[in-house]
Amino acid sequence: MAAYDCIAVGGGSAGCVRAARLSEDGRARVPLLVGEARAGLGAAPRWMRLVGTGMHWGDRTTMVRPRGFPAPA
C-alpha cells in the first residue's frame, strides 16, 4: 500500500495548486482526489444530471441567513 504525507481533496483550481505546492520540492507525496472523475463530466453545470443516480452523493445543506450583513442588491 502506498504511503502519502497528506491528501489534497478537490481537483478545482485551488486543490490543484495546493497539491502542486505541497509536492513541488519532491519530499512530500501528495495524491489529488477528484470527486467528479468517475462521472466524466467536463462542466460544473452538468451536476444536475447526477441527481437521483448512483453518482449523486446526496449531500444536504441548509440555508443560513447572515447576521448583521446587508443582503446583496
N, C-alpha and C. Protein backbone atom coordinates (compact mmCIF):
# COMPACT_ATOMS: atom_id res chain seq x y z
N MET A 1 0.84 -1.17 0.00
CA MET A 1 0.00 0.00 0.00
C MET A 1 0.89 1.24 0.00
N ALA A 2 0.47 2.23 -0.78
CA ALA A 2 1.26 3.46 -0.88
C ALA A 2 1.07 4.32 0.37
N ALA A 3 2.11 5.04 0.74
CA ALA A 3 2.05 5.96 1.87
C ALA A 3 2.16 7.38 1.34
N TYR A 4 1.35 8.26 1.90
CA TYR A 4 1.34 9.66 1.49
C TYR A 4 1.56 10.54 2.70
N ASP A 5 2.12 11.72 2.46
CA ASP A 5 2.33 12.68 3.53
C ASP A 5 1.04 13.45 3.85
N CYS A 6 0.26 13.75 2.84
CA CYS A 6 -1.06 14.37 3.01
C CYS A 6 -1.85 14.11 1.74
N ILE A 7 -3.14 14.36 1.78
CA ILE A 7 -4.01 14.12 0.63
C ILE A 7 -4.74 15.42 0.30
N ALA A 8 -4.67 15.85 -0.94
CA ALA A 8 -5.40 17.03 -1.39
C ALA A 8 -6.73 16.54 -1.97
N VAL A 9 -7.82 17.07 -1.45
CA VAL A 9 -9.16 16.65 -1.89
C VAL A 9 -9.79 17.79 -2.68
N GLY A 10 -10.18 17.51 -3.90
CA GLY A 10 -10.81 18.51 -4.76
C GLY A 10 -9.89 18.92 -5.88
N GLY A 11 -10.30 18.64 -7.09
CA GLY A 11 -9.45 18.93 -8.24
C GLY A 11 -9.75 20.24 -8.92
N GLY A 12 -10.37 21.18 -8.20
CA GLY A 12 -10.57 22.51 -8.76
C GLY A 12 -9.26 23.26 -8.80
N SER A 13 -9.32 24.51 -9.16
CA SER A 13 -8.07 25.27 -9.28
C SER A 13 -7.32 25.34 -7.95
N ALA A 14 -8.03 25.56 -6.84
CA ALA A 14 -7.36 25.65 -5.54
C ALA A 14 -6.77 24.31 -5.12
N GLY A 15 -7.49 23.22 -5.34
CA GLY A 15 -6.99 21.90 -4.97
C GLY A 15 -5.75 21.52 -5.74
N CYS A 16 -5.74 21.82 -7.02
CA CYS A 16 -4.58 21.51 -7.85
C CYS A 16 -3.36 22.34 -7.44
N VAL A 17 -3.57 23.62 -7.16
CA VAL A 17 -2.47 24.48 -6.72
C VAL A 17 -1.94 23.99 -5.38
N ARG A 18 -2.85 23.64 -4.47
CA ARG A 18 -2.44 23.15 -3.14
C ARG A 18 -1.58 21.90 -3.29
N ALA A 19 -2.04 20.94 -4.07
CA ALA A 19 -1.28 19.70 -4.26
C ALA A 19 0.08 19.98 -4.90
N ALA A 20 0.12 20.87 -5.87
CA ALA A 20 1.38 21.20 -6.54
C ALA A 20 2.37 21.85 -5.57
N ARG A 21 1.88 22.78 -4.77
CA ARG A 21 2.78 23.47 -3.84
C ARG A 21 3.29 22.55 -2.75
N LEU A 22 2.43 21.65 -2.27
CA LEU A 22 2.86 20.72 -1.23
C LEU A 22 3.91 19.74 -1.72
N SER A 23 3.87 19.42 -3.00
CA SER A 23 4.78 18.40 -3.53
C SER A 23 5.90 18.95 -4.39
N GLU A 24 6.01 20.26 -4.54
CA GLU A 24 6.97 20.81 -5.50
C GLU A 24 8.43 20.58 -5.14
N ASP A 25 8.76 20.41 -3.87
CA ASP A 25 10.17 20.20 -3.54
C ASP A 25 10.58 18.73 -3.64
N GLY A 26 9.64 17.84 -3.93
CA GLY A 26 9.95 16.44 -4.14
C GLY A 26 10.02 15.59 -2.88
N ARG A 27 9.91 16.21 -1.71
CA ARG A 27 9.99 15.44 -0.47
C ARG A 27 8.64 14.90 -0.03
N ALA A 28 7.56 15.54 -0.40
CA ALA A 28 6.23 15.11 0.03
C ALA A 28 5.50 14.38 -1.10
N ARG A 29 4.80 13.32 -0.72
CA ARG A 29 3.96 12.59 -1.68
C ARG A 29 2.53 13.00 -1.42
N VAL A 30 1.89 13.60 -2.44
CA VAL A 30 0.56 14.16 -2.28
C VAL A 30 -0.34 13.70 -3.43
N PRO A 31 -1.29 12.80 -3.17
CA PRO A 31 -2.25 12.46 -4.22
C PRO A 31 -3.35 13.52 -4.28
N LEU A 32 -3.96 13.67 -5.43
CA LEU A 32 -5.05 14.63 -5.62
C LEU A 32 -6.31 13.83 -5.92
N LEU A 33 -7.30 13.91 -5.04
CA LEU A 33 -8.56 13.19 -5.22
C LEU A 33 -9.59 14.11 -5.87
N VAL A 34 -10.19 13.63 -6.95
CA VAL A 34 -11.18 14.41 -7.68
C VAL A 34 -12.49 13.65 -7.66
N GLY A 35 -13.53 14.24 -7.09
CA GLY A 35 -14.82 13.56 -6.93
C GLY A 35 -15.57 13.34 -8.22
N GLU A 36 -15.46 14.21 -9.20
CA GLU A 36 -16.27 14.07 -10.40
C GLU A 36 -15.59 13.25 -11.49
N ALA A 37 -14.42 12.72 -11.22
CA ALA A 37 -13.68 11.99 -12.25
C ALA A 37 -14.46 10.80 -12.77
N ARG A 38 -15.12 10.07 -11.90
CA ARG A 38 -15.84 8.89 -12.38
C ARG A 38 -17.13 9.25 -13.10
N ALA A 39 -17.63 10.45 -12.90
CA ALA A 39 -18.85 10.87 -13.59
C ALA A 39 -18.56 11.27 -15.03
N GLY A 40 -17.33 11.63 -15.33
CA GLY A 40 -16.96 12.01 -16.68
C GLY A 40 -17.57 13.33 -17.12
N LEU A 41 -17.88 14.19 -16.19
CA LEU A 41 -18.48 15.47 -16.54
C LEU A 41 -17.40 16.52 -16.72
N GLY A 42 -17.50 17.29 -17.77
CA GLY A 42 -16.50 18.29 -18.03
C GLY A 42 -16.87 19.67 -17.54
N ALA A 43 -18.12 19.88 -17.19
CA ALA A 43 -18.55 21.21 -16.77
C ALA A 43 -19.40 21.11 -15.51
N ALA A 44 -19.15 22.01 -14.59
CA ALA A 44 -19.88 22.01 -13.32
C ALA A 44 -21.40 22.11 -13.48
N PRO A 45 -21.94 22.87 -14.42
CA PRO A 45 -23.40 22.96 -14.52
C PRO A 45 -24.09 21.63 -14.83
N ARG A 46 -23.36 20.65 -15.27
CA ARG A 46 -23.96 19.36 -15.60
C ARG A 46 -24.23 18.49 -14.38
N TRP A 47 -23.89 18.95 -13.18
CA TRP A 47 -24.06 18.13 -11.98
C TRP A 47 -25.52 17.74 -11.76
N MET A 48 -26.46 18.54 -12.24
CA MET A 48 -27.89 18.22 -12.04
C MET A 48 -28.27 16.91 -12.71
N ARG A 49 -27.53 16.50 -13.72
CA ARG A 49 -27.81 15.22 -14.38
C ARG A 49 -27.56 14.03 -13.45
N LEU A 50 -26.80 14.26 -12.39
CA LEU A 50 -26.46 13.17 -11.47
C LEU A 50 -27.51 12.94 -10.39
N VAL A 51 -28.38 13.92 -10.15
CA VAL A 51 -29.37 13.80 -9.08
C VAL A 51 -30.26 12.59 -9.35
N GLY A 52 -30.39 11.74 -8.33
CA GLY A 52 -31.22 10.56 -8.46
C GLY A 52 -30.50 9.36 -9.04
N THR A 53 -29.20 9.48 -9.31
CA THR A 53 -28.42 8.37 -9.83
C THR A 53 -27.45 7.88 -8.77
N GLY A 54 -26.76 6.80 -9.04
CA GLY A 54 -25.75 6.29 -8.12
C GLY A 54 -24.54 7.19 -8.00
N MET A 55 -24.37 8.12 -8.93
CA MET A 55 -23.24 9.04 -8.88
C MET A 55 -23.49 10.21 -7.94
N HIS A 56 -24.74 10.46 -7.57
CA HIS A 56 -25.07 11.59 -6.70
C HIS A 56 -24.80 11.22 -5.26
N TRP A 57 -24.03 12.03 -4.56
CA TRP A 57 -23.63 11.71 -3.20
C TRP A 57 -24.73 12.00 -2.19
N GLY A 58 -25.76 12.74 -2.57
CA GLY A 58 -26.89 13.01 -1.68
C GLY A 58 -26.59 13.97 -0.55
N ASP A 59 -25.60 14.83 -0.72
CA ASP A 59 -25.29 15.81 0.33
C ASP A 59 -26.46 16.77 0.49
N ARG A 60 -26.74 17.15 1.71
CA ARG A 60 -27.80 18.10 2.02
C ARG A 60 -27.19 19.33 2.68
N THR A 61 -27.85 20.46 2.53
CA THR A 61 -27.40 21.68 3.17
C THR A 61 -28.60 22.48 3.63
N THR A 62 -28.37 23.45 4.47
CA THR A 62 -29.42 24.31 4.99
C THR A 62 -29.03 25.75 4.74
N MET A 63 -30.01 26.53 4.31
CA MET A 63 -29.75 27.96 4.08
C MET A 63 -29.45 28.64 5.40
N VAL A 64 -28.38 29.41 5.42
CA VAL A 64 -28.02 30.17 6.62
C VAL A 64 -28.13 31.64 6.27
N ARG A 65 -28.93 32.34 7.04
CA ARG A 65 -29.08 33.78 6.79
C ARG A 65 -27.98 34.53 7.54
N PRO A 66 -27.25 35.38 6.83
CA PRO A 66 -26.18 36.13 7.50
C PRO A 66 -26.76 37.11 8.52
N ARG A 67 -26.06 37.28 9.61
CA ARG A 67 -26.49 38.21 10.65
C ARG A 67 -25.63 39.46 10.60
N GLY A 68 -26.28 40.61 10.55
CA GLY A 68 -25.54 41.86 10.59
C GLY A 68 -24.95 42.30 9.26
N PHE A 69 -25.23 41.56 8.20
CA PHE A 69 -24.71 41.94 6.88
C PHE A 69 -25.89 42.26 5.98
N PRO A 70 -25.81 43.32 5.21
CA PRO A 70 -26.91 43.64 4.30
C PRO A 70 -26.99 42.62 3.16
N ALA A 71 -28.20 42.38 2.70
CA ALA A 71 -28.39 41.46 1.58
C ALA A 71 -27.85 42.11 0.31
N PRO A 72 -27.29 41.30 -0.60
CA PRO A 72 -26.78 41.87 -1.85
C PRO A 72 -27.90 42.48 -2.66
N ALA A 73 -27.60 43.57 -3.36
CA ALA A 73 -28.61 44.27 -4.17
C ALA A 73 -28.75 43.65 -5.52
